[in-house]
Amino acid sequence: MTYIESVLKVLVIGLVLGAGLPAVFAGGLVAYSNGAGGRHADGTTVAPNPMLKFLGIALFVFVGWVILTAVLWITRTTIIHHTGIDLFPFMPKK
């Protein structure tokens, strides 16, 4: 049963990070561009919305944080070996 649970965990994380992270980034692009305001093709103008711009920037920061954390997690043993700094002291090492 542990193999099935492990496979399901990997599948869920793969779906969340594989499809979910680009979707969060796309949502950030939409929020930021809608928050910028501007002019439509028919000549009407839309006022800027600072909250949507802030939401877009927050989503970009979140995506960047996840990517940076993933890279540091993958290279954690190399970082520990060369610098002696454990960036994830709360997680067990194998």
Protein backbone atom coordinates (compact mmCIF):
# COMPACT_ATOMS: atom_id res chain seq x y z
CA MET A 1 0.00 0.00 0.00
CA THR A 2 2.91 2.38 0.60
CA TYR A 3 3.91 2.23 -3.06
CA ILE A 4 0.45 3.30 -4.17
CA GLU A 5 0.42 6.14 -1.65
CA SER A 6 3.86 7.28 -2.80
CA VAL A 7 2.84 7.22 -6.45
CA LEU A 8 -0.32 9.18 -5.68
CA LYS A 9 1.65 11.80 -3.73
CA VAL A 10 4.06 12.26 -6.62
CA LEU A 11 1.16 12.47 -9.07
CA VAL A 12 -0.64 15.13 -7.06
CA ILE A 13 2.49 17.24 -6.54
CA GLY A 14 3.34 16.89 -10.22
CA LEU A 15 -0.11 18.09 -11.22
CA VAL A 16 -0.08 21.00 -8.78
CA LEU A 17 3.39 22.22 -9.71
CA GLY A 18 3.30 21.06 -13.32
CA ALA A 19 -0.04 22.55 -14.29
CA GLY A 20 -0.95 24.69 -11.31
CA LEU A 21 2.13 26.90 -11.20
CA PRO A 22 1.83 28.08 -14.83
CA ALA A 23 -1.87 28.67 -14.18
CA VAL A 24 -1.03 30.86 -11.16
CA PHE A 25 1.49 32.76 -13.30
CA ALA A 26 -1.13 33.26 -16.04
CA GLY A 27 -3.59 34.50 -13.42
CA GLY A 28 -0.95 36.98 -12.28
CA LEU A 29 -0.52 38.21 -15.84
CA VAL A 30 -4.26 38.71 -16.24
CA ALA A 31 -4.60 40.47 -12.89
CA TYR A 32 -1.64 42.75 -13.55
CA SER A 33 -2.75 43.70 -17.06
CA ASN A 34 -6.35 44.32 -15.95
CA GLY A 35 -5.09 46.40 -13.05
CA ALA A 36 -3.00 48.62 -15.31
CA GLY A 37 -6.04 50.18 -16.93
CA GLY A 38 -5.72 51.58 -20.42
CA ARG A 39 -7.74 52.03 -23.54
CA HIS A 40 -9.90 49.46 -25.33
CA ALA A 41 -10.14 49.10 -29.09
CA ASP A 42 -13.47 50.98 -29.17
CA GLY A 43 -11.91 54.05 -27.53
CA THR A 44 -13.21 53.62 -24.00
CA THR A 45 -10.76 53.98 -21.16
CA VAL A 46 -10.48 51.94 -18.00
CA ALA A 47 -9.09 53.41 -14.79
CA PRO A 48 -6.15 51.60 -13.18
CA ASN A 49 -6.96 49.26 -10.32
CA PRO A 50 -4.10 49.15 -7.80
CA MET A 51 -5.48 46.07 -6.02
CA LEU A 52 -5.39 43.99 -9.21
CA LYS A 53 -1.84 45.14 -9.91
CA PHE A 54 -0.86 44.21 -6.35
CA LEU A 55 -2.51 40.80 -6.75
CA GLY A 56 -0.61 40.22 -10.00
CA ILE A 57 2.70 41.15 -8.39
CA ALA A 58 1.93 38.95 -5.36
CA LEU A 59 1.25 35.99 -7.66
CA PHE A 60 4.53 36.62 -9.52
CA VAL A 61 6.42 36.71 -6.21
CA PHE A 62 4.73 33.47 -5.12
CA VAL A 63 5.72 31.69 -8.35
CA GLY A 64 9.29 32.96 -8.02
CA TRP A 65 9.42 31.82 -4.38
CA VAL A 66 8.23 28.31 -5.32
CA ILE A 67 10.80 28.03 -8.10
CA LEU A 68 13.65 29.28 -5.90
CA THR A 69 12.65 26.95 -3.06
CA ALA A 70 12.48 24.00 -5.46
CA VAL A 71 15.97 24.71 -6.81
CA LEU A 72 17.38 25.07 -3.29
CA TRP A 73 15.60 21.86 -2.22
CA ILE A 74 17.07 19.92 -5.14
CA THR A 75 20.58 21.20 -4.46
CA ARG A 76 20.40 21.11 -0.64
CA THR A 77 22.94 18.31 -0.15
CA THR A 78 25.45 20.04 -2.41
CA ILE A 79 24.94 23.31 -0.53
CA ILE A 80 25.42 21.52 2.80
CA HIS A 81 28.55 19.78 1.50
CA HIS A 82 30.25 22.92 0.17
CA THR A 83 29.12 25.55 2.70
CA GLY A 84 27.92 23.63 5.75
CA ILE A 85 24.68 25.63 5.71
CA ASP A 86 21.47 23.64 6.04
CA LEU A 87 18.70 25.68 4.40
CA PHE A 88 16.04 23.20 5.48
CA PRO A 89 17.00 22.18 9.04
CA PHE A 90 13.46 21.11 9.86
CA MET A 91 13.42 18.47 7.12
CA PRO A 92 15.17 15.11 7.57
CA LYS A 93 18.16 14.33 5.37
CA LYS A 94 18.50 10.97 3.70
